[in-house]
């Protein structure tokens, strides 16, 4: 068709920084994956099987669950991390997974990888401290986190009901953020 352009779909790995079954961040991630944003395909990966980081375990290759997870990250066009904030910081399970992914012993699969950060919390403060620490970790791994927009969803329990984002302004903001992330990926590919 004349004047019709197809948008190339970018494959994104989505990670929730919480293991909780009823996590607001898991709900937010699932909502974003279900929204089918134009040009993005978000596939959720769990961190549940990733063992505690131990450099001794890298000898001769990464442990099976780590190797499989790193392969998925490597193949992805980008990574979406949706994280809570625990004690003003990054949850241990998420930091652990990023330590494996960014380890240079076997392969740093975060190298030059586009990343979008988001976070939801029932508090009024958002997840700024957690995301700031994530940016430090990602910088050490030479990843490329999207700078703007920053997604801090405070009092998320009022905006997410029954596992769905019910607030239209928040849903619209997430759609615009997803479009910015796709633009960031395309820009970095040039």
N, C-alpha and C. Protein backbone atom coordinates (compact mmCIF):
# COMPACT_ATOMS: atom_id res chain seq x y z
N UNK A 1 0.84 -1.18 0.00
CA UNK A 1 0.00 0.00 0.00
C UNK A 1 0.88 1.23 0.00
N UNK A 2 0.50 2.19 -0.77
CA UNK A 2 1.25 3.43 -0.87
C UNK A 2 1.07 4.24 0.42
N UNK A 3 2.17 4.75 0.97
CA UNK A 3 2.13 5.58 2.16
C UNK A 3 2.04 4.80 3.46
N UNK A 4 1.93 3.49 3.39
CA UNK A 4 1.84 2.67 4.60
C UNK A 4 3.21 2.10 4.95
N UNK A 5 3.66 2.36 6.16
CA UNK A 5 4.96 1.85 6.58
C UNK A 5 4.76 0.81 7.67
N UNK A 6 5.48 -0.29 7.54
CA UNK A 6 5.44 -1.31 8.58
C UNK A 6 6.47 -0.96 9.65
N UNK A 7 6.08 -1.11 10.89
CA UNK A 7 6.97 -0.83 12.01
C UNK A 7 7.62 -2.15 12.42
N UNK A 8 8.93 -2.19 12.38
CA UNK A 8 9.64 -3.40 12.79
C UNK A 8 9.46 -3.61 14.29
N UNK A 9 9.06 -4.80 14.65
CA UNK A 9 8.84 -5.12 16.06
C UNK A 9 10.18 -5.41 16.75
N UNK A 10 10.36 -4.79 17.90
CA UNK A 10 11.54 -5.02 18.73
C UNK A 10 11.15 -5.98 19.85
N UNK A 11 11.96 -7.02 20.02
CA UNK A 11 11.69 -8.02 21.05
C UNK A 11 12.35 -7.61 22.35
N UNK A 12 11.54 -7.53 23.39
CA UNK A 12 11.96 -7.04 24.70
C UNK A 12 11.79 -8.15 25.73
N UNK A 13 12.80 -8.31 26.57
CA UNK A 13 12.69 -9.19 27.74
C UNK A 13 12.26 -8.32 28.91
N UNK A 14 11.16 -8.70 29.55
CA UNK A 14 10.66 -7.99 30.71
C UNK A 14 10.98 -8.74 31.99
N UNK A 15 11.51 -8.02 32.96
CA UNK A 15 11.93 -8.62 34.23
C UNK A 15 11.28 -7.86 35.39
N UNK A 16 10.67 -8.58 36.30
CA UNK A 16 10.16 -7.98 37.54
C UNK A 16 11.20 -8.20 38.63
N UNK A 17 11.49 -7.16 39.38
CA UNK A 17 12.50 -7.24 40.43
C UNK A 17 11.98 -7.81 41.73
N UNK A 18 10.82 -8.43 41.70
CA UNK A 18 10.22 -9.01 42.89
C UNK A 18 9.84 -10.46 42.61
N UNK A 19 9.96 -11.29 43.61
CA UNK A 19 9.52 -12.68 43.50
C UNK A 19 8.11 -12.88 44.07
N UNK A 20 7.56 -11.85 44.71
CA UNK A 20 6.23 -11.96 45.32
C UNK A 20 5.17 -12.31 44.28
N UNK A 21 4.29 -13.20 44.64
CA UNK A 21 3.21 -13.60 43.74
C UNK A 21 2.30 -12.42 43.43
N UNK A 22 1.96 -11.62 44.43
CA UNK A 22 1.02 -10.50 44.28
C UNK A 22 1.76 -9.16 44.15
N UNK A 23 2.90 -9.16 43.54
CA UNK A 23 3.73 -7.95 43.40
C UNK A 23 3.08 -6.93 42.48
N UNK A 24 3.03 -5.69 42.93
CA UNK A 24 2.54 -4.60 42.08
C UNK A 24 3.40 -4.47 40.83
N UNK A 25 4.69 -4.75 40.97
CA UNK A 25 5.60 -4.64 39.84
C UNK A 25 5.39 -5.76 38.83
N UNK A 26 5.07 -6.96 39.30
CA UNK A 26 4.71 -8.03 38.37
C UNK A 26 3.44 -7.68 37.63
N UNK A 27 2.47 -7.10 38.34
CA UNK A 27 1.23 -6.68 37.69
C UNK A 27 1.51 -5.61 36.64
N UNK A 28 2.36 -4.65 37.00
CA UNK A 28 2.69 -3.58 36.06
C UNK A 28 3.38 -4.15 34.83
N UNK A 29 4.32 -5.05 35.03
CA UNK A 29 5.02 -5.67 33.91
C UNK A 29 4.06 -6.47 33.04
N UNK A 30 3.18 -7.23 33.65
CA UNK A 30 2.20 -8.01 32.89
C UNK A 30 1.28 -7.09 32.11
N UNK A 31 0.86 -5.99 32.73
CA UNK A 31 0.01 -5.02 32.02
C UNK A 31 0.73 -4.49 30.78
N UNK A 32 1.99 -4.13 30.93
CA UNK A 32 2.75 -3.59 29.80
C UNK A 32 2.94 -4.65 28.71
N UNK A 33 3.15 -5.89 29.10
CA UNK A 33 3.30 -6.97 28.11
C UNK A 33 1.98 -7.21 27.37
N UNK A 34 0.87 -7.10 28.08
CA UNK A 34 -0.45 -7.34 27.49
C UNK A 34 -0.92 -6.19 26.60
N UNK A 35 -0.39 -5.01 26.80
CA UNK A 35 -0.86 -3.83 26.06
C UNK A 35 -0.52 -3.86 24.57
N UNK A 36 0.45 -4.65 24.18
CA UNK A 36 0.83 -4.75 22.77
C UNK A 36 1.14 -3.38 22.18
N UNK A 37 2.10 -2.70 22.79
CA UNK A 37 2.53 -1.40 22.29
C UNK A 37 3.08 -1.53 20.87
N UNK A 38 2.81 -0.54 20.05
CA UNK A 38 3.23 -0.60 18.65
C UNK A 38 4.75 -0.77 18.55
N UNK A 39 5.15 -1.81 17.84
CA UNK A 39 6.57 -2.03 17.58
C UNK A 39 7.33 -2.69 18.70
N UNK A 40 6.64 -3.13 19.76
CA UNK A 40 7.30 -3.81 20.88
C UNK A 40 6.59 -5.12 21.18
N UNK A 41 7.38 -6.16 21.41
CA UNK A 41 6.87 -7.44 21.87
C UNK A 41 7.59 -7.74 23.18
N UNK A 42 6.86 -7.68 24.29
CA UNK A 42 7.47 -7.86 25.61
C UNK A 42 7.20 -9.28 26.10
N UNK A 43 8.28 -10.03 26.33
CA UNK A 43 8.18 -11.38 26.87
C UNK A 43 8.74 -11.37 28.28
N UNK A 44 7.97 -11.85 29.22
CA UNK A 44 8.36 -11.82 30.63
C UNK A 44 9.22 -13.04 30.96
N UNK A 45 10.30 -12.77 31.67
CA UNK A 45 11.18 -13.83 32.16
C UNK A 45 11.29 -13.72 33.67
N UNK A 46 11.22 -14.83 34.35
CA UNK A 46 11.30 -14.88 35.81
C UNK A 46 12.75 -14.99 36.27
N UNK A 47 13.00 -14.48 37.45
CA UNK A 47 14.33 -14.58 38.06
C UNK A 47 14.40 -15.71 39.10
N UNK A 48 13.33 -16.46 39.24
CA UNK A 48 13.22 -17.45 40.31
C UNK A 48 14.28 -18.54 40.27
N UNK A 49 14.75 -18.93 39.10
CA UNK A 49 15.71 -20.04 39.02
C UNK A 49 17.17 -19.58 39.00
N UNK A 50 17.41 -18.29 39.04
CA UNK A 50 18.78 -17.78 38.98
C UNK A 50 19.43 -17.98 40.35
N UNK A 51 20.53 -18.74 40.42
CA UNK A 51 21.19 -18.97 41.71
C UNK A 51 21.92 -17.72 42.20
N UNK A 52 22.30 -17.73 43.46
CA UNK A 52 23.10 -16.63 43.99
C UNK A 52 24.42 -16.55 43.24
N UNK A 53 24.82 -15.32 42.91
CA UNK A 53 26.05 -15.15 42.14
C UNK A 53 27.26 -15.64 42.95
N UNK A 54 28.08 -16.43 42.28
CA UNK A 54 29.31 -16.95 42.86
C UNK A 54 30.26 -17.16 41.69
N UNK A 55 31.32 -16.37 41.64
CA UNK A 55 32.25 -16.44 40.52
C UNK A 55 32.84 -17.83 40.34
N UNK A 56 32.91 -18.61 41.42
CA UNK A 56 33.42 -19.98 41.29
C UNK A 56 32.53 -20.82 40.37
N UNK A 57 31.24 -20.50 40.32
CA UNK A 57 30.31 -21.26 39.49
C UNK A 57 30.45 -20.94 38.00
N UNK A 58 31.20 -19.89 37.67
CA UNK A 58 31.38 -19.51 36.27
C UNK A 58 32.47 -20.32 35.57
N UNK A 59 33.28 -21.02 36.34
CA UNK A 59 34.35 -21.81 35.77
C UNK A 59 33.78 -22.86 34.84
N UNK A 60 34.23 -22.84 33.61
CA UNK A 60 33.75 -23.81 32.63
C UNK A 60 32.40 -23.44 32.04
N UNK A 61 31.93 -22.23 32.27
CA UNK A 61 30.64 -21.79 31.72
C UNK A 61 29.65 -21.49 32.82
N UNK A 62 28.64 -20.74 32.46
CA UNK A 62 27.61 -20.37 33.44
C UNK A 62 26.74 -21.57 33.79
N UNK A 63 26.19 -21.60 35.03
CA UNK A 63 25.24 -22.65 35.38
C UNK A 63 24.06 -22.64 34.41
N UNK A 64 23.44 -23.78 34.19
CA UNK A 64 22.36 -23.93 33.22
C UNK A 64 21.30 -22.84 33.22
N UNK A 65 20.64 -22.57 34.37
CA UNK A 65 19.60 -21.54 34.38
C UNK A 65 20.14 -20.15 33.99
N UNK A 66 21.36 -19.86 34.41
CA UNK A 66 21.98 -18.58 34.09
C UNK A 66 22.30 -18.51 32.60
N UNK A 67 22.86 -19.58 32.05
CA UNK A 67 23.21 -19.60 30.62
C UNK A 67 21.97 -19.42 29.75
N UNK A 68 20.88 -20.09 30.10
CA UNK A 68 19.64 -19.96 29.32
C UNK A 68 19.09 -18.53 29.40
N UNK A 69 19.11 -17.97 30.61
CA UNK A 69 18.59 -16.62 30.82
C UNK A 69 19.45 -15.59 30.08
N UNK A 70 20.76 -15.75 30.17
CA UNK A 70 21.67 -14.81 29.48
C UNK A 70 21.49 -14.88 27.97
N UNK A 71 21.23 -16.07 27.45
CA UNK A 71 21.02 -16.23 26.01
C UNK A 71 19.77 -15.46 25.57
N UNK A 72 18.72 -15.50 26.38
CA UNK A 72 17.50 -14.75 26.06
C UNK A 72 17.76 -13.25 26.08
N UNK A 73 18.51 -12.79 27.08
CA UNK A 73 18.85 -11.37 27.15
C UNK A 73 19.69 -10.95 25.95
N UNK A 74 20.63 -11.78 25.57
CA UNK A 74 21.52 -11.47 24.46
C UNK A 74 20.75 -11.31 23.16
N UNK A 75 19.76 -12.17 22.93
CA UNK A 75 18.98 -12.14 21.69
C UNK A 75 17.98 -10.99 21.65
N UNK A 76 17.61 -10.48 22.80
CA UNK A 76 16.59 -9.43 22.87
C UNK A 76 17.13 -8.11 22.32
N UNK A 77 16.21 -7.31 21.79
CA UNK A 77 16.57 -5.97 21.31
C UNK A 77 16.68 -4.99 22.47
N UNK A 78 16.06 -5.32 23.59
CA UNK A 78 16.09 -4.45 24.76
C UNK A 78 15.55 -5.17 25.98
N UNK A 79 15.71 -4.52 27.13
CA UNK A 79 15.28 -5.10 28.40
C UNK A 79 14.42 -4.08 29.14
N UNK A 80 13.29 -4.54 29.66
CA UNK A 80 12.42 -3.73 30.51
C UNK A 80 12.52 -4.28 31.92
N UNK A 81 12.98 -3.45 32.84
CA UNK A 81 13.10 -3.85 34.24
C UNK A 81 12.06 -3.07 35.04
N UNK A 82 11.17 -3.80 35.71
CA UNK A 82 10.15 -3.18 36.55
C UNK A 82 10.43 -3.62 37.98
N UNK A 83 10.79 -2.65 38.83
CA UNK A 83 11.32 -3.02 40.13
C UNK A 83 10.67 -2.29 41.30
N UNK A 84 10.51 -3.00 42.41
CA UNK A 84 10.14 -2.32 43.65
C UNK A 84 11.38 -1.69 44.27
N UNK A 85 11.19 -1.12 45.42
CA UNK A 85 12.32 -0.57 46.18
C UNK A 85 12.26 -1.17 47.58
N UNK A 86 13.35 -1.81 47.97
CA UNK A 86 13.43 -2.40 49.31
C UNK A 86 14.48 -1.65 50.11
N UNK A 87 14.09 -1.10 51.24
CA UNK A 87 15.00 -0.37 52.13
C UNK A 87 15.81 0.67 51.34
N UNK A 88 15.14 1.43 50.53
CA UNK A 88 15.74 2.49 49.70
C UNK A 88 16.75 1.95 48.70
N UNK A 89 16.58 0.72 48.24
CA UNK A 89 17.54 0.18 47.29
C UNK A 89 16.95 -0.87 46.37
N UNK A 90 17.82 -1.40 45.52
CA UNK A 90 17.47 -2.43 44.56
C UNK A 90 17.24 -3.76 45.27
N UNK A 91 16.18 -4.48 44.95
CA UNK A 91 15.99 -5.80 45.55
C UNK A 91 17.16 -6.73 45.24
N UNK A 92 17.54 -7.52 46.22
CA UNK A 92 18.69 -8.42 46.07
C UNK A 92 18.56 -9.38 44.90
N UNK A 93 17.36 -9.91 44.66
CA UNK A 93 17.17 -10.87 43.59
C UNK A 93 17.47 -10.24 42.23
N UNK A 94 17.13 -8.97 42.06
CA UNK A 94 17.38 -8.28 40.80
C UNK A 94 18.86 -7.94 40.65
N UNK A 95 19.47 -7.44 41.70
CA UNK A 95 20.90 -7.13 41.64
C UNK A 95 21.70 -8.39 41.35
N UNK A 96 21.33 -9.49 41.97
CA UNK A 96 21.98 -10.77 41.74
C UNK A 96 21.90 -11.18 40.27
N UNK A 97 20.71 -11.06 39.69
CA UNK A 97 20.52 -11.44 38.28
C UNK A 97 21.35 -10.56 37.35
N UNK A 98 21.44 -9.28 37.66
CA UNK A 98 22.23 -8.37 36.84
C UNK A 98 23.73 -8.64 37.01
N UNK A 99 24.14 -9.07 38.19
CA UNK A 99 25.55 -9.45 38.39
C UNK A 99 25.92 -10.62 37.49
N UNK A 100 25.03 -11.59 37.35
CA UNK A 100 25.27 -12.71 36.43
C UNK A 100 25.30 -12.22 34.99
N UNK A 101 24.29 -11.42 34.62
CA UNK A 101 24.17 -10.97 33.22
C UNK A 101 25.33 -10.09 32.80
N UNK A 102 25.86 -9.30 33.74
CA UNK A 102 26.93 -8.36 33.40
C UNK A 102 28.32 -8.87 33.67
N UNK A 103 28.43 -10.09 34.17
CA UNK A 103 29.75 -10.65 34.45
C UNK A 103 30.54 -10.84 33.15
N UNK A 104 31.77 -10.41 33.17
CA UNK A 104 32.60 -10.51 31.97
C UNK A 104 33.37 -11.82 31.90
N UNK A 105 33.23 -12.68 32.89
CA UNK A 105 33.96 -13.95 32.89
C UNK A 105 33.60 -14.78 31.67
N UNK A 106 32.30 -14.96 31.41
CA UNK A 106 31.87 -15.72 30.24
C UNK A 106 31.35 -14.80 29.14
N UNK A 107 30.46 -13.88 29.47
CA UNK A 107 30.01 -12.87 28.52
C UNK A 107 29.09 -11.88 29.22
N UNK A 108 29.37 -10.61 29.05
CA UNK A 108 28.52 -9.54 29.56
C UNK A 108 27.42 -9.30 28.53
N UNK A 109 26.23 -9.85 28.76
CA UNK A 109 25.15 -9.72 27.78
C UNK A 109 24.40 -8.39 27.93
N UNK A 110 24.80 -7.58 28.90
CA UNK A 110 24.21 -6.25 29.06
C UNK A 110 24.98 -5.19 28.27
N UNK A 111 26.10 -5.57 27.71
CA UNK A 111 26.96 -4.63 26.97
C UNK A 111 26.19 -3.98 25.83
N UNK A 112 26.07 -2.66 25.90
CA UNK A 112 25.38 -1.84 24.89
C UNK A 112 23.92 -2.22 24.69
N UNK A 113 23.32 -2.82 25.69
CA UNK A 113 21.92 -3.25 25.61
C UNK A 113 21.01 -2.10 26.06
N UNK A 114 20.02 -1.72 25.25
CA UNK A 114 19.04 -0.71 25.68
C UNK A 114 18.18 -1.26 26.82
N UNK A 115 17.95 -0.43 27.83
CA UNK A 115 17.17 -0.84 29.00
C UNK A 115 16.19 0.28 29.37
N UNK A 116 14.97 -0.11 29.71
CA UNK A 116 14.01 0.84 30.26
C UNK A 116 13.69 0.41 31.68
N UNK A 117 13.70 1.36 32.60
CA UNK A 117 13.41 1.10 34.00
C UNK A 117 12.04 1.65 34.37
N UNK A 118 11.35 0.92 35.20
CA UNK A 118 10.06 1.36 35.74
C UNK A 118 9.94 0.78 37.14
N UNK A 119 9.06 1.36 37.92
CA UNK A 119 8.84 0.83 39.26
C UNK A 119 7.54 1.31 39.84
N UNK A 120 6.92 0.45 40.63
CA UNK A 120 5.66 0.76 41.29
C UNK A 120 5.80 0.47 42.78
N UNK A 121 5.19 1.32 43.58
CA UNK A 121 5.25 1.15 45.02
C UNK A 121 3.99 1.71 45.66
N UNK A 122 3.57 1.14 46.79
CA UNK A 122 2.42 1.72 47.48
C UNK A 122 2.77 3.01 48.22
N UNK A 123 4.04 3.32 48.38
CA UNK A 123 4.45 4.53 49.10
C UNK A 123 4.32 5.76 48.19
N UNK A 124 4.52 6.92 48.77
CA UNK A 124 4.46 8.18 48.02
C UNK A 124 5.78 8.52 47.35
N UNK A 125 6.85 7.82 47.71
CA UNK A 125 8.19 8.19 47.25
C UNK A 125 8.55 7.63 45.87
N UNK A 126 7.84 6.65 45.39
CA UNK A 126 8.23 6.04 44.13
C UNK A 126 9.41 5.11 44.32
N UNK A 127 10.09 4.76 43.26
CA UNK A 127 11.22 3.82 43.33
C UNK A 127 12.51 4.48 42.85
N UNK A 128 12.66 5.75 43.13
CA UNK A 128 13.81 6.51 42.66
C UNK A 128 15.14 6.01 43.17
N UNK A 129 15.22 5.63 44.44
CA UNK A 129 16.49 5.14 44.99
C UNK A 129 16.88 3.82 44.33
N UNK A 130 15.91 2.93 44.20
CA UNK A 130 16.16 1.63 43.58
C UNK A 130 16.63 1.82 42.14
N UNK A 131 15.94 2.68 41.40
CA UNK A 131 16.31 2.89 40.01
C UNK A 131 17.66 3.58 39.87
N UNK A 132 18.00 4.46 40.81
CA UNK A 132 19.33 5.10 40.77
C UNK A 132 20.43 4.06 40.94
N UNK A 133 20.21 3.12 41.86
CA UNK A 133 21.19 2.05 42.05
C UNK A 133 21.27 1.16 40.81
N UNK A 134 20.13 0.90 40.19
CA UNK A 134 20.13 0.10 38.96
C UNK A 134 20.93 0.80 37.87
N UNK A 135 20.79 2.11 37.78
CA UNK A 135 21.55 2.86 36.77
C UNK A 135 23.06 2.73 37.01
N UNK A 136 23.47 2.69 38.28
CA UNK A 136 24.89 2.48 38.60
C UNK A 136 25.35 1.10 38.12
N UNK A 137 24.56 0.09 38.41
CA UNK A 137 24.90 -1.27 37.99
C UNK A 137 24.94 -1.38 36.48
N UNK A 138 23.95 -0.80 35.81
CA UNK A 138 23.90 -0.86 34.35
C UNK A 138 25.06 -0.10 33.72
N UNK A 139 25.47 1.01 34.34
CA UNK A 139 26.63 1.76 33.83
C UNK A 139 27.89 0.91 33.94
N UNK A 140 28.03 0.18 35.04
CA UNK A 140 29.20 -0.68 35.21
C UNK A 140 29.23 -1.80 34.17
N UNK A 141 28.05 -2.19 33.68
CA UNK A 141 27.94 -3.25 32.67
C UNK A 141 27.93 -2.68 31.25
N UNK A 142 28.06 -1.36 31.13
CA UNK A 142 28.07 -0.66 29.84
C UNK A 142 26.77 -0.85 29.06
N UNK A 143 25.64 -0.91 29.82
CA UNK A 143 24.31 -0.94 29.21
C UNK A 143 23.86 0.49 28.97
N UNK A 144 22.78 0.65 28.21
CA UNK A 144 22.28 1.97 27.86
C UNK A 144 20.84 2.18 28.34
N UNK A 145 20.68 2.59 29.61
CA UNK A 145 19.32 2.84 30.09
C UNK A 145 18.73 4.11 29.47
N UNK A 146 17.45 4.04 29.15
CA UNK A 146 16.70 5.20 28.66
C UNK A 146 16.70 6.25 29.77
N UNK A 147 17.07 7.47 29.43
CA UNK A 147 17.16 8.53 30.45
C UNK A 147 15.80 9.13 30.79
N UNK A 148 14.98 9.35 29.77
CA UNK A 148 13.66 9.95 29.98
C UNK A 148 12.67 9.27 29.05
N UNK A 149 11.48 9.05 29.45
CA UNK A 149 10.92 9.40 30.75
C UNK A 149 11.33 8.40 31.83
N UNK A 150 11.33 8.89 33.04
CA UNK A 150 11.56 8.01 34.18
C UNK A 150 10.19 7.61 34.72
N UNK A 151 10.04 6.34 35.03
CA UNK A 151 8.73 5.81 35.41
C UNK A 151 8.74 5.44 36.89
N UNK A 152 8.21 6.34 37.71
CA UNK A 152 8.09 6.14 39.15
C UNK A 152 6.60 6.17 39.47
N UNK A 153 6.00 5.02 39.72
CA UNK A 153 4.57 4.98 40.00
C UNK A 153 4.37 4.84 41.51
N UNK A 154 4.07 5.98 42.14
CA UNK A 154 3.83 6.02 43.58
C UNK A 154 2.36 5.71 43.86
N UNK A 155 2.09 5.25 45.07
CA UNK A 155 0.75 4.86 45.50
C UNK A 155 0.07 3.97 44.45
N UNK A 156 0.85 3.02 43.97
CA UNK A 156 0.41 2.15 42.88
C UNK A 156 -0.81 1.31 43.25
N UNK A 157 -0.99 1.03 44.52
CA UNK A 157 -2.15 0.24 44.93
C UNK A 157 -3.48 0.94 44.61
N UNK A 158 -3.41 2.27 44.38
CA UNK A 158 -4.61 3.02 44.00
C UNK A 158 -4.78 3.07 42.48
N UNK A 159 -3.73 2.70 41.74
CA UNK A 159 -3.74 2.80 40.29
C UNK A 159 -3.79 1.43 39.61
N UNK A 160 -3.47 0.40 40.37
CA UNK A 160 -3.46 -0.96 39.85
C UNK A 160 -4.45 -1.78 40.68
N UNK A 161 -5.49 -2.27 40.02
CA UNK A 161 -6.51 -3.05 40.71
C UNK A 161 -6.72 -4.37 39.98
N UNK A 162 -6.78 -5.44 40.74
CA UNK A 162 -6.96 -6.78 40.16
C UNK A 162 -5.93 -7.07 39.08
N UNK A 163 -4.70 -6.61 39.32
CA UNK A 163 -3.61 -6.88 38.39
C UNK A 163 -3.59 -6.02 37.15
N UNK A 164 -4.44 -5.01 37.06
CA UNK A 164 -4.52 -4.16 35.87
C UNK A 164 -4.33 -2.69 36.26
N UNK A 165 -3.67 -1.94 35.38
CA UNK A 165 -3.56 -0.50 35.57
C UNK A 165 -4.92 0.09 35.21
N UNK A 166 -5.60 0.68 36.19
CA UNK A 166 -6.94 1.20 35.98
C UNK A 166 -6.96 2.71 35.78
N UNK A 167 -5.86 3.38 36.07
CA UNK A 167 -5.77 4.83 35.92
C UNK A 167 -5.38 5.18 34.47
N UNK A 168 -6.24 5.91 33.78
CA UNK A 168 -6.02 6.22 32.36
C UNK A 168 -4.76 7.06 32.14
N UNK A 169 -4.49 8.01 33.03
CA UNK A 169 -3.29 8.85 32.87
C UNK A 169 -2.03 8.00 32.97
N UNK A 170 -2.02 7.06 33.90
CA UNK A 170 -0.86 6.17 34.05
C UNK A 170 -0.71 5.28 32.83
N UNK A 171 -1.81 4.72 32.36
CA UNK A 171 -1.77 3.85 31.17
C UNK A 171 -1.28 4.63 29.95
N UNK A 172 -1.72 5.86 29.80
CA UNK A 172 -1.29 6.70 28.68
C UNK A 172 0.20 7.03 28.80
N UNK A 173 0.64 7.33 30.02
CA UNK A 173 2.05 7.63 30.26
C UNK A 173 2.92 6.42 29.90
N UNK A 174 2.48 5.22 30.27
CA UNK A 174 3.23 4.00 29.96
C UNK A 174 3.31 3.77 28.45
N UNK A 175 2.23 4.08 27.74
CA UNK A 175 2.23 3.94 26.29
C UNK A 175 3.25 4.89 25.66
N UNK A 176 3.29 6.12 26.14
CA UNK A 176 4.26 7.10 25.62
C UNK A 176 5.69 6.68 25.98
N UNK A 177 5.88 6.15 27.18
CA UNK A 177 7.21 5.68 27.60
C UNK A 177 7.67 4.52 26.72
N UNK A 178 6.75 3.60 26.42
CA UNK A 178 7.08 2.47 25.55
C UNK A 178 7.49 2.95 24.17
N UNK A 179 6.81 3.96 23.64
CA UNK A 179 7.17 4.52 22.33
C UNK A 179 8.56 5.17 22.40
N UNK A 180 8.86 5.85 23.49
CA UNK A 180 10.19 6.45 23.67
C UNK A 180 11.26 5.37 23.74
N UNK A 181 10.94 4.26 24.39
CA UNK A 181 11.91 3.16 24.49
C UNK A 181 12.19 2.57 23.11
N UNK A 182 11.15 2.38 22.31
CA UNK A 182 11.36 1.85 20.96
C UNK A 182 12.22 2.81 20.14
N UNK A 183 11.97 4.11 20.26
CA UNK A 183 12.78 5.12 19.55
C UNK A 183 14.24 5.04 20.01
N UNK A 184 14.45 4.83 21.32
CA UNK A 184 15.80 4.71 21.89
C UNK A 184 16.53 3.50 21.30
N UNK A 185 15.83 2.39 21.19
CA UNK A 185 16.42 1.18 20.61
C UNK A 185 16.83 1.44 19.16
N UNK A 186 15.92 2.03 18.39
CA UNK A 186 16.20 2.31 16.98
C UNK A 186 17.38 3.27 16.85
N UNK A 187 17.42 4.29 17.70
CA UNK A 187 18.52 5.27 17.66
C UNK A 187 19.87 4.58 17.94
N UNK A 188 19.89 3.67 18.89
CA UNK A 188 21.14 2.99 19.24
C UNK A 188 21.57 1.99 18.18
N UNK A 189 20.64 1.54 17.35
CA UNK A 189 20.98 0.60 16.29
C UNK A 189 21.68 1.30 15.12
N UNK A 190 21.57 2.60 15.04
CA UNK A 190 22.16 3.34 13.91
C UNK A 190 23.67 3.39 13.99
